[in-house]
Amino acid sequence: RGAMASLPLPAQDVQQLISERWEGQLWVAALNGPHSTTVSGDTKAVDEVLAHCTDTGLRAKRIPVDYASHCPHVQPLHDELLHLLGDITPQPSTVPFFSTVEGTWLDTTTLDAAYWYRNLHQPVRFSHAIQTLTDDGHRAFIEISPHPTLVPAIEDTTENTTENITATGSLRRGDNDTHRFLTALAHTHTTGIGTPTTWHHHYTQTHPTPTPTPTSTCPPTPSNTSTTGSNHPPQQPTSPPPASPPPTTPSSPPHSPSPTTTHNYSPAASPYAPTPGSPTTPSPAWSSCRAPRSSNSPSKPANGWTALGWRN
């Protein structure tokens, strides 16, 4: 029996706090991030450290378990765990495996019963693993779990990295699993990580039809010429043509048409076509036009916005 809690403090501060008041009752169980440390140990000691955090204005929280893993509380289970896991046969993995127990890459054929006992007994050095992977050039982290509890710790660990880092969960407690998983998949798609997503595999019962988006027919407005970020140079908004002076006498010859501005759309086909005497700038309703797609990426807009939807 025991308890666990998460404290918003660096591991060294937590260790100092334990040494001062709860030596032999609490232990550092997991180093999740620069400012996120999990403690594990006696239930009474966990209650006291939570009360201490409340009194000092720290937002610590109890982890909803009734045991204390990653600390000496696991030691009485040593023989039983080795017996129960004795028949497992570790297999080679097709994905490289970085261990938060050993702090290095491991051959998965060595993950025997003794390893899994150490996994349950020793502290989890999660932040060390994330930092090492980041230093090795990894830029995307996906938390495969029923609820994203480690994404904030990943973001905290990689905060000072000069490269862009993507961290996302997969599922969320109390949410629709299909909706949440596809949303996470869409996030990885729009951030450009991983392999291209083959969305048609998700539509075995329905046959959605892509909706065409306006590109070359989108008239220039201040909103879609200066902020869409397309590969084409922005067009400057034009001023209304100068009004022609009225004829001086009834016998004056008709005046020449005033200059007009040529746009890359057909005025006859546009509900926002200018009427005689009105400015040539189209209606602001066109400001929602999407950016043209980039020439080197047929599936992503060029610095524009992307919306993903699905239906049952």
C-alpha atoms as a PDB file:
ATOM      1  CA  ARG A   1       0.000   0.000   0.000  1.00  0.00           C
ATOM      2  CA  GLY A   2       1.128   3.541  -0.655  1.00  0.00           C
ATOM      3  CA  ALA A   3       0.464   6.659  -2.685  1.00  0.00           C
ATOM      4  CA  MET A   4       1.977   8.898  -5.350  1.00  0.00           C
ATOM      5  CA  ALA A   5       1.824  12.596  -6.174  1.00  0.00           C
ATOM      6  CA  SER A   6       3.059  14.986  -8.841  1.00  0.00           C
ATOM      7  CA  LEU A   7       4.914  18.116  -7.728  1.00  0.00           C
ATOM      8  CA  PRO A   8       5.646  21.176  -9.930  1.00  0.00           C
ATOM      9  CA  LEU A   9       9.281  21.327  -8.822  1.00  0.00           C
ATOM     10  CA  PRO A  10      12.683  20.315 -10.199  1.00  0.00           C
ATOM     11  CA  ALA A  11      13.889  16.913  -9.012  1.00  0.00           C
ATOM     12  CA  GLN A  12      16.746  18.382  -6.965  1.00  0.00           C
ATOM     13  CA  ASP A  13      14.333  20.617  -5.024  1.00  0.00           C
ATOM     14  CA  VAL A  14      12.050  17.672  -4.357  1.00  0.00           C
ATOM     15  CA  GLN A  15      14.958  15.553  -3.190  1.00  0.00           C
ATOM     16  CA  GLN A  16      16.049  18.288  -0.786  1.00  0.00           C
ATOM     17  CA  LEU A  17      12.495  18.583   0.575  1.00  0.00           C
ATOM     18  CA  ILE A  18      12.335  14.814   1.117  1.00  0.00           C
ATOM     19  CA  SER A  19      15.716  14.799   2.875  1.00  0.00           C
ATOM     20  CA  GLU A  20      14.575  17.490   5.304  1.00  0.00           C
ATOM     21  CA  ARG A  21      11.214  16.013   6.310  1.00  0.00           C
ATOM     22  CA  TRP A  22      10.384  12.605   4.832  1.00  0.00           C
ATOM     23  CA  GLU A  23      13.615  10.638   4.537  1.00  0.00           C
ATOM     24  CA  GLY A  24      12.788   6.916   4.288  1.00  0.00           C
ATOM     25  CA  GLN A  25       9.092   7.676   3.709  1.00  0.00           C
ATOM     26  CA  LEU A  26       9.104   9.364   0.283  1.00  0.00           C
ATOM     27  CA  TRP A  27      11.223   8.868  -2.817  1.00  0.00           C
ATOM     28  CA  VAL A  28      11.567  10.522  -6.202  1.00  0.00           C
ATOM     29  CA  ALA A  29       9.669   8.161  -8.484  1.00  0.00           C
ATOM     30  CA  ALA A  30       9.806   9.934 -11.847  1.00  0.00           C
ATOM     31  CA  LEU A  31      11.702  12.848 -13.344  1.00  0.00           C
ATOM     32  CA  ASN A  32       9.165  13.947 -15.938  1.00  0.00           C
ATOM     33  CA  GLY A  33      10.381  17.424 -16.804  1.00  0.00           C
ATOM     34  CA  PRO A  34      12.461  20.360 -15.588  1.00  0.00           C
ATOM     35  CA  HIS A  35       9.572  21.429 -13.336  1.00  0.00           C
ATOM     36  CA  SER A  36       7.641  18.183 -12.921  1.00  0.00           C
ATOM     37  CA  THR A  37       8.614  15.457 -10.464  1.00  0.00           C
ATOM     38  CA  THR A  38       6.627  12.509  -9.146  1.00  0.00           C
ATOM     39  CA  VAL A  39       7.055  11.249  -5.578  1.00  0.00           C
ATOM     40  CA  SER A  40       6.077   7.861  -4.233  1.00  0.00           C
ATOM     41  CA  GLY A  41       5.963   6.310  -0.794  1.00  0.00           C
ATOM     42  CA  ASP A  42       3.942   6.030   2.396  1.00  0.00           C
ATOM     43  CA  THR A  43       0.371   7.289   2.189  1.00  0.00           C
ATOM     44  CA  LYS A  44       0.767   9.520   5.255  1.00  0.00           C
ATOM     45  CA  ALA A  45       3.922  11.105   3.855  1.00  0.00           C
ATOM     46  CA  VAL A  46       2.214  11.803   0.524  1.00  0.00           C
ATOM     47  CA  ASP A  47      -0.695  13.439   2.374  1.00  0.00           C
ATOM     48  CA  GLU A  48       1.750  15.625   4.282  1.00  0.00           C
ATOM     49  CA  VAL A  49       3.727  16.707   1.222  1.00  0.00           C
ATOM     50  CA  LEU A  50       0.490  17.619  -0.573  1.00  0.00           C
ATOM     51  CA  ALA A  51      -0.569  19.706   2.422  1.00  0.00           C
ATOM     52  CA  HIS A  52       2.858  21.361   2.452  1.00  0.00           C
ATOM     53  CA  CYS A  53       2.499  22.265  -1.225  1.00  0.00           C
ATOM     54  CA  THR A  54      -0.944  23.740  -0.614  1.00  0.00           C
ATOM     55  CA  ASP A  55       0.390  25.864   2.256  1.00  0.00           C
ATOM     56  CA  THR A  56       3.261  27.169   0.119  1.00  0.00           C
ATOM     57  CA  GLY A  57       1.129  27.886  -2.967  1.00  0.00           C
ATOM     58  CA  LEU A  58       2.331  24.976  -5.107  1.00  0.00           C
ATOM     59  CA  ARG A  59      -0.239  23.204  -7.278  1.00  0.00           C
ATOM     60  CA  ALA A  60       0.689  19.608  -6.533  1.00  0.00           C
ATOM     61  CA  LYS A  61      -1.799  16.833  -7.232  1.00  0.00           C
ATOM     62  CA  ARG A  62      -2.360  13.300  -6.044  1.00  0.00           C
ATOM     63  CA  ILE A  63      -2.045  10.542  -8.624  1.00  0.00           C
ATOM     64  CA  PRO A  64      -5.179   8.360  -8.382  1.00  0.00           C
ATOM     65  CA  VAL A  65      -3.499   5.068  -7.397  1.00  0.00           C
ATOM     66  CA  ASP A  66      -3.330   3.132  -4.135  1.00  0.00           C
ATOM     67  CA  TYR A  67       0.215   1.820  -4.513  1.00  0.00           C
ATOM     68  CA  ALA A  68       3.736   3.274  -4.568  1.00  0.00           C
ATOM     69  CA  SER A  69       5.754   2.192  -7.587  1.00  0.00           C
ATOM     70  CA  HIS A  70       9.311   3.209  -8.532  1.00  0.00           C
ATOM     71  CA  CYS A  71      10.440   3.120  -4.922  1.00  0.00           C
ATOM     72  CA  PRO A  72      11.396   0.538  -2.250  1.00  0.00           C
ATOM     73  CA  HIS A  73       7.718  -0.371  -1.784  1.00  0.00           C
ATOM     74  CA  VAL A  74       8.151  -2.638  -4.827  1.00  0.00           C
ATOM     75  CA  GLN A  75      10.920  -4.747  -3.275  1.00  0.00           C
ATOM     76  CA  PRO A  76       8.582  -7.251  -1.519  1.00  0.00           C
ATOM     77  CA  LEU A  77       7.232  -8.137  -4.979  1.00  0.00           C
ATOM     78  CA  HIS A  78      10.637  -9.053  -6.402  1.00  0.00           C
ATOM     79  CA  ASP A  79      10.377 -12.838  -6.277  1.00  0.00           C
ATOM     80  CA  GLU A  80       6.725 -12.924  -7.287  1.00  0.00           C
ATOM     81  CA  LEU A  81       7.296 -10.689 -10.316  1.00  0.00           C
ATOM     82  CA  LEU A  82      10.301 -12.690 -11.482  1.00  0.00           C
ATOM     83  CA  HIS A  83       8.222 -15.868 -11.193  1.00  0.00           C
ATOM     84  CA  LEU A  84       5.206 -14.441 -13.018  1.00  0.00           C
ATOM     85  CA  LEU A  85       7.328 -12.962 -15.816  1.00  0.00           C
ATOM     86  CA  GLY A  86       9.809 -15.815 -16.016  1.00  0.00           C
ATOM     87  CA  ASP A  87       8.272 -17.367 -19.128  1.00  0.00           C
ATOM     88  CA  ILE A  88       8.331 -14.268 -21.334  1.00  0.00           C
ATOM     89  CA  THR A  89      10.498 -14.426 -24.452  1.00  0.00           C
ATOM     90  CA  PRO A  90      11.650 -10.950 -25.532  1.00  0.00           C
ATOM     91  CA  GLN A  91      11.516 -10.409 -29.274  1.00  0.00           C
ATOM     92  CA  PRO A  92      13.542  -8.113 -31.544  1.00  0.00           C
ATOM     93  CA  SER A  93      11.755  -4.859 -32.254  1.00  0.00           C
ATOM     94  CA  THR A  94      11.387  -3.215 -35.649  1.00  0.00           C
ATOM     95  CA  VAL A  95      11.378   0.180 -33.878  1.00  0.00           C
ATOM     96  CA  PRO A  96      14.452   1.411 -31.953  1.00  0.00           C
ATOM     97  CA  PHE A  97      13.861   1.265 -28.196  1.00  0.00           C
ATOM     98  CA  PHE A  98      15.162   3.916 -25.785  1.00  0.00           C
ATOM     99  CA  SER A  99      14.827   2.878 -22.152  1.00  0.00           C
ATOM    100  CA  THR A 100      13.817   5.348 -19.437  1.00  0.00           C
ATOM    101  CA  VAL A 101      15.222   2.795 -16.965  1.00  0.00           C
ATOM    102  CA  GLU A 102      18.735   2.484 -18.360  1.00  0.00           C
ATOM    103  CA  GLY A 103      18.828   5.885 -20.079  1.00  0.00           C
ATOM    104  CA  THR A 104      20.087   4.478 -23.376  1.00  0.00           C
ATOM    105  CA  TRP A 105      19.117   2.491 -26.470  1.00  0.00           C
ATOM    106  CA  LEU A 106      18.501  -1.183 -25.754  1.00  0.00           C
ATOM    107  CA  ASP A 107      18.247  -4.380 -27.727  1.00  0.00           C
ATOM    108  CA  THR A 108      14.672  -5.472 -26.980  1.00  0.00           C
ATOM    109  CA  THR A 109      15.698  -9.107 -26.772  1.00  0.00           C
ATOM    110  CA  THR A 110      17.264  -8.213 -23.398  1.00  0.00           C
ATOM    111  CA  LEU A 111      13.946  -7.058 -21.869  1.00  0.00           C
ATOM    112  CA  ASP A 112      13.531 -10.077 -19.637  1.00  0.00           C
ATOM    113  CA  ALA A 113      11.751 -10.448 -16.289  1.00  0.00           C
ATOM    114  CA  ALA A 114      14.631  -8.790 -14.429  1.00  0.00           C
ATOM    115  CA  TYR A 115      14.400  -5.740 -16.663  1.00  0.00           C
ATOM    116  CA  TRP A 116      10.687  -5.298 -16.031  1.00  0.00           C
ATOM    117  CA  TYR A 117      11.225  -5.585 -12.299  1.00  0.00           C
ATOM    118  CA  ARG A 118      13.787  -2.769 -12.534  1.00  0.00           C
ATOM    119  CA  ASN A 119      11.309  -0.854 -14.637  1.00  0.00           C
ATOM    120  CA  LEU A 120       8.766  -0.983 -11.805  1.00  0.00           C
ATOM    121  CA  HIS A 121      11.298  -0.432  -9.003  1.00  0.00           C
ATOM    122  CA  GLN A 122      13.660   2.277 -10.250  1.00  0.00           C
ATOM    123  CA  PRO A 123      12.826   5.946 -10.917  1.00  0.00           C
ATOM    124  CA  VAL A 124      11.595   6.852 -14.385  1.00  0.00           C
ATOM    125  CA  ARG A 125      14.094   9.193 -16.062  1.00  0.00           C
ATOM    126  CA  PHE A 126      11.664  10.464 -18.630  1.00  0.00           C
ATOM    127  CA  SER A 127      13.048  13.997 -19.048  1.00  0.00           C
ATOM    128  CA  HIS A 128      16.537  12.563 -19.589  1.00  0.00           C
ATOM    129  CA  ALA A 129      15.194  10.320 -22.350  1.00  0.00           C
ATOM    130  CA  ILE A 130      13.391  13.209 -24.084  1.00  0.00           C
ATOM    131  CA  GLN A 131      16.441  15.465 -23.855  1.00  0.00           C
ATOM    132  CA  THR A 132      18.720  12.760 -25.236  1.00  0.00           C
ATOM    133  CA  LEU A 133      16.373  12.052 -28.143  1.00  0.00           C
ATOM    134  CA  THR A 134      16.076  15.769 -28.880  1.00  0.00           C
ATOM    135  CA  ASP A 135      19.856  16.136 -28.879  1.00  0.00           C
ATOM    136  CA  ASP A 136      19.987  13.222 -31.339  1.00  0.00           C
ATOM    137  CA  GLY A 137      17.754  15.139 -33.760  1.00  0.00           C
ATOM    138  CA  HIS A 138      14.282  13.822 -32.965  1.00  0.00           C
ATOM    139  CA  ARG A 139      11.603  16.501 -33.375  1.00  0.00           C
ATOM    140  CA  ALA A 140       8.263  14.695 -32.947  1.00  0.00           C
ATOM    141  CA  PHE A 141       6.895  12.980 -29.834  1.00  0.00           C
ATOM    142  CA  ILE A 142       3.546  11.176 -29.696  1.00  0.00           C
ATOM    143  CA  GLU A 143       2.201  10.008 -26.364  1.00  0.00           C
ATOM    144  CA  ILE A 144       0.372   6.707 -26.864  1.00  0.00           C
ATOM    145  CA  SER A 145      -1.834   6.524 -23.785  1.00  0.00           C
ATOM    146  CA  PRO A 146      -5.505   6.764 -22.679  1.00  0.00           C
ATOM    147  CA  HIS A 147      -4.903  10.392 -21.663  1.00  0.00           C
ATOM    148  CA  PRO A 148      -2.109  12.875 -22.480  1.00  0.00           C
ATOM    149  CA  THR A 149      -0.330  13.287 -19.147  1.00  0.00           C
ATOM    150  CA  LEU A 150       3.240  13.664 -20.426  1.00  0.00           C
ATOM    151  CA  VAL A 151       2.790  16.096 -23.334  1.00  0.00           C
ATOM    152  CA  PRO A 152       3.265  19.152 -21.053  1.00  0.00           C
ATOM    153  CA  ALA A 153       6.444  17.596 -19.636  1.00  0.00           C
ATOM    154  CA  ILE A 154       7.774  17.003 -23.159  1.00  0.00           C
ATOM    155  CA  GLU A 155       7.066  20.613 -24.106  1.00  0.00           C
ATOM    156  CA  ASP A 156       8.720  21.816 -20.901  1.00  0.00           C
ATOM    157  CA  THR A 157      11.818  19.683 -21.505  1.00  0.00           C
ATOM    158  CA  THR A 158      12.225  20.881 -25.099  1.00  0.00           C
ATOM    159  CA  GLU A 159      11.314  24.525 -24.440  1.00  0.00           C
ATOM    160  CA  ASN A 160      14.824  25.852 -25.033  1.00  0.00           C
ATOM    161  CA  THR A 161      15.432  23.799 -28.164  1.00  0.00           C
ATOM    162  CA  THR A 162      16.133  25.962 -31.198  1.00  0.00           C
ATOM    163  CA  GLU A 163      14.294  23.571 -33.518  1.00  0.00           C
ATOM    164  CA  ASN A 164      10.510  23.298 -33.680  1.00  0.00           C
ATOM    165  CA  ILE A 165       9.268  20.384 -31.577  1.00  0.00           C
ATOM    166  CA  THR A 166       5.867  18.698 -31.992  1.00  0.00           C
ATOM    167  CA  ALA A 167       4.324  16.889 -29.028  1.00  0.00           C
ATOM    168  CA  THR A 168       0.832  15.449 -29.161  1.00  0.00           C
ATOM    169  CA  GLY A 169      -1.342  12.885 -27.438  1.00  0.00           C
ATOM    170  CA  SER A 170      -3.439  10.168 -29.036  1.00  0.00           C
ATOM    171  CA  LEU A 171      -6.545   9.732 -26.871  1.00  0.00           C
ATOM    172  CA  ARG A 172      -8.281  11.753 -24.161  1.00  0.00           C
ATOM    173  CA  ARG A 173     -10.256  10.532 -21.188  1.00  0.00           C
ATOM    174  CA  GLY A 174     -14.017  11.076 -21.579  1.00  0.00           C
ATOM    175  CA  ASP A 175     -13.722  12.013 -25.257  1.00  0.00           C
ATOM    176  CA  ASN A 176     -14.819  10.162 -28.380  1.00  0.00           C
ATOM    177  CA  ASP A 177     -11.888   7.873 -29.191  1.00  0.00           C
ATOM    178  CA  THR A 178     -12.308   7.970 -32.969  1.00  0.00           C
ATOM    179  CA  HIS A 179     -12.706  11.736 -33.040  1.00  0.00           C
ATOM    180  CA  ARG A 180      -9.723  12.319 -30.750  1.00  0.00           C
ATOM    181  CA  PHE A 181      -7.440   9.866 -32.539  1.00  0.00           C
ATOM    182  CA  LEU A 182      -8.200  11.330 -35.960  1.00  0.00           C
ATOM    183  CA  THR A 183      -7.685  14.820 -34.571  1.00  0.00           C
ATOM    184  CA  ALA A 184      -4.249  13.778 -33.309  1.00  0.00           C
ATOM    185  CA  LEU A 185      -3.513  12.216 -36.688  1.00  0.00           C
ATOM    186  CA  ALA A 186      -4.555  15.440 -38.416  1.00  0.00           C
ATOM    187  CA  HIS A 187      -2.219  17.366 -36.121  1.00  0.00           C
ATOM    188  CA  THR A 188       0.740  15.229 -37.162  1.00  0.00           C
ATOM    189  CA  HIS A 189      -0.311  15.681 -40.802  1.00  0.00           C
ATOM    190  CA  THR A 190      -0.488  19.473 -40.667  1.00  0.00           C
ATOM    191  CA  THR A 191       2.822  19.749 -38.838  1.00  0.00           C
ATOM    192  CA  GLY A 192       4.522  17.662 -41.512  1.00  0.00           C
ATOM    193  CA  ILE A 193       5.833  14.874 -39.291  1.00  0.00           C
ATOM    194  CA  GLY A 194       5.802  11.210 -40.188  1.00  0.00           C
ATOM    195  CA  THR A 195       4.716   9.707 -43.476  1.00  0.00           C
ATOM    196  CA  PRO A 196       1.861  11.112 -45.583  1.00  0.00           C
ATOM    197  CA  THR A 197      -1.533  10.162 -44.193  1.00  0.00           C
ATOM    198  CA  THR A 198      -3.713   7.964 -46.407  1.00  0.00           C
ATOM    199  CA  TRP A 199      -7.094   9.256 -45.308  1.00  0.00           C
ATOM    200  CA  HIS A 200      -9.156   7.031 -47.614  1.00  0.00           C
ATOM    201  CA  HIS A 201      -8.517   4.082 -45.273  1.00  0.00           C
ATOM    202  CA  HIS A 202     -10.761   5.806 -42.716  1.00  0.00           C
ATOM    203  CA  TYR A 203     -13.758   5.931 -45.063  1.00  0.00           C
ATOM    204  CA  THR A 204     -14.749   2.329 -45.656  1.00  0.00           C
ATOM    205  CA  GLN A 205     -18.507   2.989 -45.322  1.00  0.00           C
ATOM    206  CA  THR A 206     -18.803   6.464 -46.798  1.00  0.00           C
ATOM    207  CA  HIS A 207     -17.406   8.084 -49.909  1.00  0.00           C
ATOM    208  CA  PRO A 208     -16.667  11.726 -49.162  1.00  0.00           C
ATOM    209  CA  THR A 209     -16.141  14.029 -52.123  1.00  0.00           C
ATOM    210  CA  PRO A 210     -13.391  16.627 -51.898  1.00  0.00           C
ATOM    211  CA  THR A 211     -14.744  20.159 -51.932  1.00  0.00           C
ATOM    212  CA  PRO A 212     -12.963  22.371 -54.479  1.00  0.00           C
ATOM    213  CA  THR A 213     -11.459  25.494 -53.011  1.00  0.00           C
ATOM    214  CA  PRO A 214     -11.110  28.844 -54.798  1.00  0.00           C
ATOM    215  CA  THR A 215      -7.538  29.531 -55.840  1.00  0.00           C
ATOM    216  CA  SER A 216      -6.957  31.264 -59.151  1.00  0.00           C
ATOM    217  CA  THR A 217     -10.502  32.633 -59.120  1.00  0.00           C
ATOM    218  CA  CYS A 218     -10.011  34.371 -55.783  1.00  0.00           C
ATOM    219  CA  PRO A 219     -10.048  38.143 -56.311  1.00  0.00           C
ATOM    220  CA  PRO A 220      -7.315  40.184 -54.673  1.00  0.00           C
ATOM    221  CA  THR A 221      -8.215  41.812 -51.372  1.00  0.00           C
ATOM    222  CA  PRO A 222      -6.009  43.145 -48.590  1.00  0.00           C
ATOM    223  CA  SER A 223      -6.703  39.975 -46.586  1.00  0.00           C
ATOM    224  CA  ASN A 224      -5.693  37.426 -49.199  1.00  0.00           C
ATOM    225  CA  THR A 225      -2.927  39.326 -50.950  1.00  0.00           C
ATOM    226  CA  SER A 226      -0.783  40.302 -48.004  1.00  0.00           C
ATOM    227  CA  THR A 227      -1.284  37.552 -45.430  1.00  0.00           C
ATOM    228  CA  THR A 228      -1.894  34.259 -47.236  1.00  0.00           C
ATOM    229  CA  GLY A 229       1.811  33.555 -47.622  1.00  0.00           C
ATOM    230  CA  SER A 230       1.440  32.044 -51.099  1.00  0.00           C
ATOM    231  CA  ASN A 231       4.368  31.567 -53.447  1.00  0.00           C
ATOM    232  CA  HIS A 232       3.074  34.371 -55.666  1.00  0.00           C
ATOM    233  CA  PRO A 233       4.001  37.999 -55.003  1.00  0.00           C
ATOM    234  CA  PRO A 234       1.143  39.882 -53.340  1.00  0.00           C
ATOM    235  CA  GLN A 235      -0.948  42.140 -55.497  1.00  0.00           C
ATOM    236  CA  GLN A 236      -1.369  45.668 -54.284  1.00  0.00           C
ATOM    237  CA  PRO A 237      -4.951  46.799 -53.688  1.00  0.00           C
ATOM    238  CA  THR A 238      -6.100  49.246 -56.301  1.00  0.00           C
ATOM    239  CA  SER A 239      -7.952  52.499 -55.881  1.00  0.00           C
ATOM    240  CA  PRO A 240     -11.266  53.205 -57.579  1.00  0.00           C
ATOM    241  CA  PRO A 241     -10.866  54.650 -61.073  1.00  0.00           C
ATOM    242  CA  PRO A 242     -11.140  58.438 -61.183  1.00  0.00           C
ATOM    243  CA  ALA A 243     -14.592  59.607 -62.084  1.00  0.00           C
ATOM    244  CA  SER A 244     -14.868  61.119 -65.559  1.00  0.00           C
ATOM    245  CA  PRO A 245     -15.991  64.755 -65.641  1.00  0.00           C
ATOM    246  CA  PRO A 246     -19.609  65.243 -66.719  1.00  0.00           C
ATOM    247  CA  PRO A 247     -20.179  66.491 -70.236  1.00  0.00           C
ATOM    248  CA  THR A 248     -20.168  70.297 -70.483  1.00  0.00           C
ATOM    249  CA  THR A 249     -22.852  70.567 -73.118  1.00  0.00           C
ATOM    250  CA  PRO A 250     -25.432  68.204 -74.542  1.00  0.00           C
ATOM    251  CA  SER A 251     -23.540  68.290 -77.832  1.00  0.00           C
ATOM    252  CA  SER A 252     -20.269  67.121 -76.263  1.00  0.00           C
ATOM    253  CA  PRO A 253     -19.048  63.762 -77.586  1.00  0.00           C
ATOM    254  CA  PRO A 254     -19.262  60.773 -75.214  1.00  0.00           C
ATOM    255  CA  HIS A 255     -16.253  60.583 -72.929  1.00  0.00           C
ATOM    256  CA  SER A 256     -13.864  57.624 -73.101  1.00  0.00           C
ATOM    257  CA  PRO A 257     -14.351  54.833 -70.585  1.00  0.00           C
ATOM    258  CA  SER A 258     -12.302  55.295 -67.435  1.00  0.00           C
ATOM    259  CA  PRO A 259      -9.410  52.907 -66.859  1.00  0.00           C
ATOM    260  CA  THR A 260     -10.344  49.681 -65.137  1.00  0.00           C
ATOM    261  CA  THR A 261      -8.292  47.195 -63.188  1.00  0.00           C
ATOM    262  CA  THR A 262      -8.020  43.663 -64.566  1.00  0.00           C
ATOM    263  CA  HIS A 263      -8.492  40.871 -62.004  1.00  0.00           C
ATOM    264  CA  ASN A 264      -7.945  37.137 -62.402  1.00  0.00           C
ATOM    265  CA  TYR A 265     -11.653  36.362 -62.166  1.00  0.00           C
ATOM    266  CA  SER A 266     -14.678  36.885 -64.334  1.00  0.00           C
ATOM    267  CA  PRO A 267     -16.844  39.830 -63.180  1.00  0.00           C
ATOM    268  CA  ALA A 268     -19.827  38.326 -64.916  1.00  0.00           C
ATOM    269  CA  ALA A 269     -19.515  35.155 -62.884  1.00  0.00           C
ATOM    270  CA  SER A 270     -18.917  36.903 -59.568  1.00  0.00           C
ATOM    271  CA  PRO A 271     -21.765  38.006 -57.287  1.00  0.00           C
ATOM    272  CA  TYR A 272     -19.393  40.663 -56.011  1.00  0.00           C
ATOM    273  CA  ALA A 273     -18.633  42.223 -59.377  1.00  0.00           C
ATOM    274  CA  PRO A 274     -18.385  46.030 -59.174  1.00  0.00           C
ATOM    275  CA  THR A 275     -21.237  48.035 -60.563  1.00  0.00           C
ATOM    276  CA  PRO A 276     -20.706  51.173 -62.633  1.00  0.00           C
ATOM    277  CA  GLY A 277     -19.541  54.003 -60.454  1.00  0.00           C
ATOM    278  CA  SER A 278     -18.533  51.732 -57.532  1.00  0.00           C
ATOM    279  CA  PRO A 279     -14.986  50.833 -56.431  1.00  0.00           C
ATOM    280  CA  THR A 280     -13.394  47.914 -58.234  1.00  0.00           C
ATOM    281  CA  THR A 281     -12.331  46.235 -54.974  1.00  0.00           C
ATOM    282  CA  PRO A 282     -14.582  43.171 -54.483  1.00  0.00           C
ATOM    283  CA  SER A 283     -16.791  42.636 -51.474  1.00  0.00           C
ATOM    284  CA  PRO A 284     -15.077  41.702 -48.176  1.00  0.00           C
ATOM    285  CA  ALA A 285     -16.856  38.344 -48.409  1.00  0.00           C
ATOM    286  CA  TRP A 286     -13.875  37.189 -50.453  1.00  0.00           C
ATOM    287  CA  SER A 287     -11.562  37.562 -47.462  1.00  0.00           C
ATOM    288  CA  SER A 288     -12.180  33.941 -46.503  1.00  0.00           C
ATOM    289  CA  CYS A 289     -10.588  32.575 -49.667  1.00  0.00           C
ATOM    290  CA  ARG A 290      -7.898  30.014 -49.056  1.00  0.00           C
ATOM    291  CA  ALA A 291      -4.300  30.515 -50.040  1.00  0.00           C
ATOM    292  CA  PRO A 292      -3.078  28.866 -53.265  1.00  0.00           C
ATOM    293  CA  ARG A 293      -1.364  25.551 -52.751  1.00  0.00           C
ATOM    294  CA  SER A 294       2.382  25.489 -52.918  1.00  0.00           C
ATOM    295  CA  SER A 295       3.982  23.958 -55.982  1.00  0.00           C
ATOM    296  CA  ASN A 296       6.058  21.488 -53.983  1.00  0.00           C
ATOM    297  CA  SER A 297       3.298  20.184 -51.731  1.00  0.00           C
ATOM    298  CA  PRO A 298       0.003  19.186 -53.396  1.00  0.00           C
ATOM    299  CA  SER A 299      -1.576  18.298 -50.060  1.00  0.00           C
ATOM    300  CA  LYS A 300      -0.783  21.363 -47.939  1.00  0.00           C
ATOM    301  CA  PRO A 301      -1.525  25.056 -48.418  1.00  0.00           C
ATOM    302  CA  ALA A 302       1.414  27.408 -48.591  1.00  0.00           C
ATOM    303  CA  ASN A 303       1.384  28.920 -45.125  1.00  0.00           C
ATOM    304  CA  GLY A 304      -2.378  29.145 -45.284  1.00  0.00           C
ATOM    305  CA  TRP A 305      -4.838  27.237 -43.164  1.00  0.00           C
ATOM    306  CA  THR A 306      -6.021  23.661 -43.363  1.00  0.00           C
ATOM    307  CA  ALA A 307      -9.294  22.248 -42.121  1.00  0.00           C
ATOM    308  CA  LEU A 308      -9.900  18.531 -41.758  1.00  0.00           C
ATOM    309  CA  GLY A 309     -13.335  17.035 -41.342  1.00  0.00           C
ATOM    310  CA  TRP A 310     -14.953  13.638 -41.397  1.00  0.00           C
ATOM    311  CA  ARG A 311     -18.422  12.269 -41.012  1.00  0.00           C
ATOM    312  CA  ASN A 312     -19.864   8.981 -39.852  1.00  0.00           C
END
